[in-house]
Amino acid sequence: HTTTRKRWRISALPLLVALAGCAVGGGSQVATTSAITAAPQPTPKVTYVAPGAYYPFLADVHFQPSVGYLTALQFVTNLGLQPLYVCTGYDASNVRWQSQDESGGFAKTAMPPHTLEVAPTPLAPGDWLQRLAASASVASIYDGPQHCPLIPVDLTPVPGRLYFLGQSVWLEYLQVTFAPFSGNAYGQALSAISALGFRLADPCYEQSLPAPPWRPISQQTSFASSGALVVAITEANSAQWSAQLKGVAGVAGVVGVTAPYAPICPAS
C-alpha cells in the first residue's frame, strides 16, 4: 500500500529537519554542540528566508561554472558536509531508497546550475555557512525552505524494494577499501560512498571529550596511501547498504569492507 505526504520543518536538529513541504534532515548526523551554537552572520552570498531568519542545517550551494563536480564534492565534504537530496524523503524508513548521487543535477544547465544540496554532519564546524560563503569557488548559497512534491511512502513494505534507514538508523563506522585506479581516485571514491548515503567519518575525533578544535575533514592524504575511506552510516543509506557496497563497480570498485570499524584512539 502506497500513500503520499508532505513534510514540514519540525525541528532544528539534523535528525528531524524537514522544511516547508518536504524537507528532511541528516540521519545519524546528530549535531555536536559546536555545530549548532554559532549563528551565521549576514553575507551577500547567502539567501535567508527573512531578515534574521536562517536554516543552518540545509543549504543549496551554487558553485562557479569553472568548478567541476568532483572538486565541489571534495570541497563540501572537507567542511564536514554531506551531499543529500532533500526531497527524497530519506528521514523515513517507509520511503523507497533513492541514490544521493548529485552529479547529474550538478551538470545540468537548467537554473541553478553547478549546485550541491548539503547538510552538516557531526564533523562540520559551527560556522560552516560562513566558510562556504568565504570561498571564491562558491557563487551563492540558499538556506531557506525547500519545497518538494509529495513523497510516496509504503504503509506495507514491498518485497524486493530498498528503503531508507531513516530514523531507524544506528551509528556504525566502516572502512571501505577501493581498487587502485588512475585519475581523481579520491574524488571518485567520495562520489561512490556519497551516492549510497554514507558520510565521511573520524571516530576518534567525533568521540573526543571535550570536543577538540575543528580541523578539515579531508581523507585525501590517507586515501593516497591506503586506498581506504572511513565512513559512517546515515539515514540516507538503505537497509541493504552492505550488499550495495559490495556491488560498487567501475573506476571506484570496492575490494574490501571492514564493518564495524573501531580504530584505536589515542588517550585524550
Protein backbone atom coordinates (compact mmCIF):
# COMPACT_ATOMS: atom_id res chain seq x y z
CA HIS A 1 0.00 0.00 0.00
CA THR A 2 1.40 3.35 -1.04
CA THR A 3 0.37 6.77 0.14
CA THR A 4 1.86 10.24 -0.10
CA ARG A 5 2.52 13.01 2.33
CA LYS A 6 4.22 16.35 2.56
CA ARG A 7 6.99 17.01 5.04
CA TRP A 8 7.23 20.07 7.24
CA ARG A 9 10.09 21.52 9.24
CA ILE A 10 9.57 20.12 12.74
CA SER A 11 12.92 20.61 14.44
CA ALA A 12 16.25 22.34 14.12
CA LEU A 13 18.13 19.09 14.70
CA PRO A 14 19.61 17.32 11.66
CA LEU A 15 17.77 14.12 12.54
CA LEU A 16 14.42 15.85 12.13
CA VAL A 17 14.92 18.83 9.84
CA ALA A 18 12.08 19.00 7.35
CA LEU A 19 11.47 22.23 5.54
CA ALA A 20 8.17 23.58 4.19
CA GLY A 21 6.51 20.85 2.28
CA CYS A 22 9.04 18.03 2.30
CA ALA A 23 12.47 18.62 3.62
CA VAL A 24 14.37 16.12 5.68
CA GLY A 25 17.50 16.18 7.81
CA GLY A 26 20.76 14.39 8.22
CA GLY A 27 20.45 10.92 9.65
CA SER A 28 22.85 9.72 12.28
CA GLN A 29 24.37 13.16 11.97
CA VAL A 30 23.29 14.46 15.38
CA ALA A 31 25.00 17.82 15.62
CA THR A 32 27.67 18.36 18.22
CA THR A 33 27.41 21.42 20.44
CA SER A 34 29.99 23.28 18.38
CA ALA A 35 27.95 22.61 15.25
CA ILE A 36 24.78 24.29 16.49
CA THR A 37 25.84 27.24 18.63
CA ALA A 38 27.35 29.60 16.06
CA ALA A 39 24.69 31.63 14.22
CA PRO A 40 25.71 32.65 10.70
CA GLN A 41 26.29 36.33 10.11
CA PRO A 42 24.70 38.10 7.14
CA THR A 43 26.69 37.79 3.95
CA PRO A 44 25.78 38.91 0.41
CA LYS A 45 26.30 35.37 -0.86
CA VAL A 46 23.70 33.79 1.42
CA THR A 47 19.94 33.94 0.87
CA TYR A 48 17.90 33.89 4.06
CA VAL A 49 14.17 33.27 4.13
CA ALA A 50 13.61 36.53 6.04
CA PRO A 51 15.75 39.15 7.82
CA GLY A 52 17.34 37.50 10.81
CA ALA A 53 15.98 34.05 9.93
CA TYR A 54 18.10 31.21 8.61
CA TYR A 55 18.11 27.44 8.22
CA PRO A 56 21.63 26.40 9.27
CA PHE A 57 21.10 22.67 8.68
CA LEU A 58 20.40 22.65 4.96
CA ALA A 59 21.87 24.61 2.07
CA ASP A 60 21.94 24.68 -1.72
CA VAL A 61 25.49 25.64 -2.65
CA HIS A 62 25.88 27.20 -6.12
CA PHE A 63 29.45 26.90 -7.41
CA GLN A 64 31.21 28.96 -10.04
CA PRO A 65 30.90 27.49 -13.58
CA SER A 66 34.61 26.61 -13.63
CA VAL A 67 34.25 24.24 -10.65
CA GLY A 68 33.77 20.56 -11.56
CA TYR A 69 31.56 18.12 -9.67
CA LEU A 70 34.34 16.11 -8.02
CA THR A 71 36.09 19.31 -6.94
CA ALA A 72 32.86 20.64 -5.43
CA LEU A 73 32.25 17.30 -3.70
CA GLN A 74 35.72 17.33 -2.17
CA PHE A 75 35.21 20.91 -1.03
CA VAL A 76 31.94 20.33 0.84
CA THR A 77 32.99 17.02 2.41
CA ASN A 78 36.21 18.63 3.62
CA LEU A 79 33.97 21.01 5.61
CA GLY A 80 32.13 18.10 7.20
CA LEU A 81 29.07 18.47 4.96
CA GLN A 82 27.19 15.61 3.32
CA PRO A 83 25.59 15.88 -0.15
CA LEU A 84 21.91 14.97 0.27
CA TYR A 85 18.84 15.31 -1.92
CA VAL A 86 16.34 16.82 0.48
CA CYS A 87 13.23 15.80 -1.45
CA THR A 88 14.00 12.07 -1.48
CA GLY A 89 12.42 11.78 1.98
CA TYR A 90 15.39 9.96 3.48
CA ASP A 91 14.38 10.55 7.11
CA ALA A 92 11.65 7.89 6.91
CA SER A 93 12.19 4.14 6.79
CA ASN A 94 8.96 3.58 4.80
CA VAL A 95 10.20 5.66 1.86
CA ARG A 96 11.80 3.83 -1.03
CA TRP A 97 15.55 4.36 -1.22
CA GLN A 98 17.00 6.66 -3.88
CA SER A 99 20.60 7.39 -4.72
CA GLN A 100 22.09 10.63 -3.37
CA ASP A 101 24.33 10.99 -6.44
CA GLU A 102 24.16 14.69 -7.32
CA SER A 103 26.43 14.57 -10.37
CA GLY A 104 23.56 14.62 -12.86
CA GLY A 105 21.86 17.66 -11.38
CA PHE A 106 25.20 19.43 -10.94
CA ALA A 107 25.95 19.11 -14.65
CA LYS A 108 22.57 20.38 -15.88
CA THR A 109 22.44 23.81 -17.42
CA ALA A 110 18.97 24.48 -16.05
CA MET A 111 18.79 27.16 -13.39
CA PRO A 112 20.52 26.99 -10.95
CA PRO A 113 23.45 25.03 -12.40
CA HIS A 114 26.51 23.71 -10.55
CA THR A 115 24.59 23.16 -7.32
CA LEU A 116 25.06 20.72 -4.44
CA GLU A 117 22.44 20.23 -1.74
CA VAL A 118 24.25 19.67 1.55
CA ALA A 119 23.62 19.13 5.26
CA PRO A 120 26.13 19.25 8.14
CA THR A 121 27.44 16.14 9.85
CA PRO A 122 28.96 15.91 13.36
CA LEU A 123 32.26 16.88 11.72
CA ALA A 124 31.07 20.28 10.45
CA PRO A 125 32.24 23.45 12.23
CA GLY A 126 29.67 25.80 13.71
CA ASP A 127 30.48 28.46 11.11
CA TRP A 128 30.28 26.17 8.08
CA LEU A 129 27.88 28.53 6.31
CA GLN A 130 30.31 31.42 6.58
CA ARG A 131 33.20 29.22 5.48
CA LEU A 132 31.26 28.23 2.38
CA ALA A 133 30.47 31.85 1.59
CA ALA A 134 34.10 32.89 2.04
CA SER A 135 35.27 30.61 -0.78
CA ALA A 136 35.85 32.14 -4.20
CA SER A 137 34.62 28.85 -5.70
CA VAL A 138 31.13 29.45 -4.27
CA ALA A 139 28.90 31.86 -6.18
CA SER A 140 25.92 31.87 -3.80
CA ILE A 141 24.13 29.85 -1.11
CA TYR A 142 20.44 29.35 -0.48
CA ASP A 143 19.50 28.17 3.01
CA GLY A 144 15.78 28.86 3.04
CA PRO A 145 12.86 26.40 2.97
CA GLN A 146 12.84 23.63 0.38
CA HIS A 147 9.58 22.92 -1.43
CA CYS A 148 9.15 19.38 -2.74
CA PRO A 149 6.47 17.24 -4.39
CA LEU A 150 4.54 14.80 -2.27
CA ILE A 151 6.80 11.97 -1.12
CA PRO A 152 5.35 8.46 -1.57
CA VAL A 153 5.50 6.17 1.46
CA ASP A 154 4.73 2.45 1.60
CA LEU A 155 2.47 1.62 4.53
CA THR A 156 3.40 -2.01 3.93
CA PRO A 157 6.94 -2.82 2.72
CA VAL A 158 7.07 -4.09 -0.84
CA PRO A 159 9.18 -7.25 -1.18
CA GLY A 160 12.36 -6.67 -3.15
CA ARG A 161 12.31 -2.89 -2.69
CA LEU A 162 15.06 -0.92 -0.96
CA TYR A 163 14.06 1.51 1.77
CA PHE A 164 15.91 4.29 3.55
CA LEU A 165 17.13 3.52 7.05
CA GLY A 166 15.51 6.78 8.11
CA GLN A 167 15.06 7.22 11.83
CA SER A 168 15.82 3.54 12.42
CA VAL A 169 19.47 4.32 11.65
CA TRP A 170 22.21 3.29 14.08
CA LEU A 171 25.70 4.75 14.33
CA GLU A 172 28.28 2.44 12.80
CA TYR A 173 31.68 3.20 11.33
CA LEU A 174 33.10 1.35 8.32
CA GLN A 175 36.39 1.28 6.47
CA VAL A 176 35.87 0.90 2.73
CA THR A 177 38.85 -0.04 0.54
CA PHE A 178 38.85 0.70 -3.18
CA ALA A 179 40.75 -0.87 -6.06
CA PRO A 180 43.63 1.28 -7.34
CA PHE A 181 42.74 3.40 -10.35
CA SER A 182 44.07 6.46 -12.15
CA GLY A 183 42.57 9.91 -12.35
CA ASN A 184 40.91 11.63 -9.40
CA ALA A 185 40.73 8.45 -7.33
CA TYR A 186 39.79 10.22 -4.11
CA GLY A 187 37.01 12.20 -5.77
CA GLN A 188 35.60 9.10 -7.44
CA ALA A 189 35.64 7.20 -4.14
CA LEU A 190 33.86 10.09 -2.42
CA SER A 191 31.28 10.10 -5.18
CA ALA A 192 30.66 6.36 -4.75
CA ILE A 193 30.11 6.46 -0.98
CA SER A 194 28.08 9.70 -1.10
CA ALA A 195 25.71 8.25 -3.70
CA LEU A 196 24.91 5.37 -1.33
CA GLY A 197 24.18 7.75 1.57
CA PHE A 198 27.39 7.38 3.63
CA ARG A 199 29.28 10.31 5.12
CA LEU A 200 32.95 10.72 5.88
CA ALA A 201 33.76 9.90 9.50
CA ASP A 202 36.55 10.34 12.03
CA PRO A 203 35.62 8.12 15.01
CA CYS A 204 38.39 9.31 17.33
CA TYR A 205 37.67 12.98 16.64
CA GLU A 206 33.91 12.52 16.98
CA GLN A 207 34.19 10.70 20.31
CA SER A 208 36.72 13.06 21.91
CA LEU A 209 35.64 14.82 25.08
CA PRO A 210 35.94 17.71 25.33
CA ALA A 211 35.49 18.36 21.64
CA PRO A 212 38.83 19.28 20.04
CA PRO A 213 39.27 22.35 17.83
CA TRP A 214 37.80 21.88 14.36
CA ARG A 215 40.06 20.71 11.55
CA PRO A 216 39.46 19.96 7.87
CA ILE A 217 37.88 16.55 7.35
CA SER A 218 39.51 15.51 4.08
CA GLN A 219 40.89 11.96 3.96
CA GLN A 220 42.74 12.57 0.71
CA THR A 221 46.21 12.07 2.22
CA SER A 222 45.39 8.80 3.98
CA PHE A 223 43.45 7.59 0.94
CA ALA A 224 46.50 8.11 -1.28
CA SER A 225 48.46 5.59 0.80
CA SER A 226 45.74 3.15 1.88
CA GLY A 227 43.07 3.38 -0.81
CA ALA A 228 40.50 3.38 2.00
CA LEU A 229 37.86 5.74 3.36
CA VAL A 230 36.42 5.73 6.88
CA VAL A 231 32.69 6.41 6.68
CA ALA A 232 29.56 6.27 8.83
CA ILE A 233 26.05 5.03 8.18
CA THR A 234 23.34 7.72 7.95
CA GLU A 235 19.58 7.97 7.44
CA ALA A 236 20.20 8.21 3.71
CA ASN A 237 21.62 4.68 3.48
CA SER A 238 19.37 1.80 2.55
CA ALA A 239 18.84 -1.18 4.80
CA GLN A 240 20.89 -3.15 2.25
CA TRP A 241 23.94 -0.85 2.35
CA SER A 242 26.36 -3.74 2.82
CA ALA A 243 25.25 -5.51 -0.35
CA GLN A 244 25.24 -2.20 -2.22
CA LEU A 245 28.83 -1.52 -1.20
CA LYS A 246 29.96 -4.93 -2.37
CA GLY A 247 28.26 -4.26 -5.70
CA VAL A 248 30.11 -0.99 -6.37
CA ALA A 249 31.98 -1.46 -9.64
CA GLY A 250 33.58 0.70 -12.28
CA VAL A 251 36.52 3.00 -11.67
CA ALA A 252 35.72 3.16 -7.94
CA GLY A 253 35.33 -0.56 -7.36
CA VAL A 254 35.15 -1.67 -3.71
CA VAL A 255 37.52 -4.51 -2.82
CA GLY A 256 37.09 -4.64 0.95
CA VAL A 257 34.79 -3.50 3.76
CA THR A 258 35.58 -3.59 7.49
CA ALA A 259 32.34 -3.31 9.45
CA PRO A 260 32.17 -2.32 12.16
CA TYR A 261 35.39 -0.31 12.12
CA ALA A 262 36.83 0.63 15.52
CA PRO A 263 40.24 2.31 15.39
CA ILE A 264 42.46 2.53 18.46
CA CYS A 265 42.21 6.15 19.55
CA PRO A 266 44.97 7.94 21.47
CA ALA A 267 44.17 8.84 25.03
CA SER A 268 42.86 12.37 25.29
